[in-house]
Amino acid sequence: MLRHVVLFSFKASAHRESVAEIEAAFARLPEQIDLIQEYEWGVDVSPEGIAHGYTHCFLLTFASAADRDAYLVHPAHQAFVASLQPVLEQALVIDYWATTAPLATRPSQLATQE
């Protein structure tokens, strides 16, 4: 699975209503673009204080790079990107191939298995 991570930082002048519309518009993309297999989003709640101004994280999953590439040029995505310009300060996008590794067995688990 190809993960597409999008981080947004909004301009200080962006009104809460405008940000809410961006959130809603992004959430509508999976209905408009069937190449999106999974979608989730949230706002930063980290106590670490190292988000560098990014407040919103969106995670999309695609089956292939070709699906992601088709999403990028899809008219619905292009319209969404255009709608960001008045309120978006900056964006950061990272794509990666998801891999899973088994969790290490904890010693307490070993003791109960004997």
Protein backbone atom coordinates (compact mmCIF):
# COMPACT_ATOMS: atom_id res chain seq x y z
CA MET A 1 0.00 0.00 0.00
CA LEU A 2 1.23 3.45 -0.88
CA ARG A 3 0.63 6.02 1.85
CA HIS A 4 0.28 9.69 0.91
CA VAL A 5 0.78 11.96 3.94
CA VAL A 6 -0.23 15.62 3.62
CA LEU A 7 0.48 18.23 6.30
CA PHE A 8 -1.07 21.70 6.23
CA SER A 9 -0.19 24.94 7.96
CA PHE A 10 -2.75 27.71 7.55
CA LYS A 11 -2.17 31.44 7.29
CA ALA A 12 -2.73 33.39 10.50
CA SER A 13 -5.40 35.35 8.62
CA ALA A 14 -7.38 32.18 7.78
CA HIS A 15 -10.78 32.18 9.46
CA ARG A 16 -11.91 29.04 11.29
CA GLU A 17 -14.82 28.69 8.86
CA SER A 18 -12.41 28.65 5.91
CA VAL A 19 -10.28 25.97 7.54
CA ALA A 20 -13.41 23.91 8.29
CA GLU A 21 -14.39 24.12 4.60
CA ILE A 22 -10.93 22.85 3.60
CA GLU A 23 -11.33 19.95 6.03
CA ALA A 24 -14.74 19.12 4.55
CA ALA A 25 -13.52 19.48 0.96
CA PHE A 26 -10.60 17.12 1.57
CA ALA A 27 -12.99 14.62 3.20
CA ARG A 28 -15.14 14.67 0.04
CA LEU A 29 -12.27 13.62 -2.23
CA PRO A 30 -12.63 9.86 -1.52
CA GLU A 31 -16.24 10.09 -2.75
CA GLN A 32 -15.07 11.80 -5.93
CA ILE A 33 -11.92 9.77 -6.61
CA ASP A 34 -12.37 6.02 -6.22
CA LEU A 35 -8.62 5.40 -6.40
CA ILE A 36 -8.38 6.47 -2.75
CA GLN A 37 -8.60 3.23 -0.78
CA GLU A 38 -8.42 4.73 2.70
CA TYR A 39 -8.65 8.24 4.10
CA GLU A 40 -8.22 9.69 7.55
CA TRP A 41 -7.25 13.00 9.04
CA GLY A 42 -6.75 14.85 12.28
CA VAL A 43 -5.29 17.91 13.92
CA ASP A 44 -2.03 18.03 15.83
CA VAL A 45 -2.34 17.10 19.51
CA SER A 46 1.31 16.32 20.17
CA PRO A 47 2.71 17.70 23.45
CA GLU A 48 6.22 17.79 21.92
CA GLY A 49 5.79 21.21 20.35
CA ILE A 50 7.81 20.41 17.22
CA ALA A 51 5.09 20.54 14.55
CA HIS A 52 6.73 23.61 12.97
CA GLY A 53 3.37 25.26 12.38
CA TYR A 54 1.67 22.27 10.78
CA THR A 55 -1.73 21.76 12.32
CA HIS A 56 -3.51 19.26 10.05
CA CYS A 57 -2.50 15.81 8.86
CA PHE A 58 -4.28 13.88 6.12
CA LEU A 59 -3.43 10.27 5.24
CA LEU A 60 -4.54 8.66 2.00
CA THR A 61 -3.82 5.11 0.87
CA PHE A 62 -3.43 3.99 -2.71
CA ALA A 63 -2.94 0.50 -4.15
CA SER A 64 -0.18 1.63 -6.50
CA ALA A 65 1.98 4.53 -7.60
CA ALA A 66 -0.10 4.68 -10.78
CA ASP A 67 -3.25 5.21 -8.69
CA ARG A 68 -1.54 7.98 -6.71
CA ASP A 69 -0.33 9.59 -9.92
CA ALA A 70 -3.84 9.52 -11.39
CA TYR A 71 -5.19 11.07 -8.17
CA LEU A 72 -2.70 13.94 -8.41
CA VAL A 73 -3.98 15.02 -11.83
CA HIS A 74 -7.64 14.19 -11.21
CA PRO A 75 -9.87 17.26 -11.78
CA ALA A 76 -11.40 16.98 -8.29
CA HIS A 77 -7.95 16.99 -6.68
CA GLN A 78 -6.79 19.87 -8.87
CA ALA A 79 -9.86 21.91 -7.90
CA PHE A 80 -9.22 21.16 -4.23
CA VAL A 81 -5.60 22.30 -4.53
CA ALA A 82 -6.70 25.53 -6.17
CA SER A 83 -9.14 26.18 -3.32
CA LEU A 84 -6.28 26.05 -0.80
CA GLN A 85 -4.39 29.07 -2.10
CA PRO A 86 -6.19 31.81 -0.13
CA VAL A 87 -5.71 30.14 3.27
CA LEU A 88 -2.74 27.77 3.04
CA GLU A 89 0.57 28.92 4.48
CA GLN A 90 2.50 25.79 3.57
CA ALA A 91 2.10 22.10 2.81
CA LEU A 92 4.36 19.11 3.23
CA VAL A 93 3.76 15.85 1.37
CA ILE A 94 5.50 12.54 1.99
CA ASP A 95 4.68 9.31 0.20
CA TYR A 96 5.93 5.93 1.38
CA TRP A 97 5.36 2.25 0.79
CA ALA A 98 3.83 0.85 3.97
CA THR A 99 5.65 -2.05 5.50
CA THR A 100 4.81 -3.94 8.62
CA ALA A 101 7.10 -5.75 10.97
CA PRO A 102 6.07 -8.03 13.79
CA LEU A 103 6.24 -6.47 17.22
CA ALA A 104 8.98 -7.85 19.40
CA THR A 105 7.72 -10.32 21.95
CA ARG A 106 7.82 -8.81 25.39
CA PRO A 107 9.45 -10.82 28.21
CA SER A 108 6.18 -10.74 30.17
CA GLN A 109 4.47 -12.48 27.26
CA LEU A 110 7.13 -15.18 27.18
CA ALA A 111 6.66 -15.91 30.86
CA THR A 112 2.92 -16.52 30.42
CA GLN A 113 3.52 -18.85 27.47
CA GLU A 114 5.73 -21.30 29.37
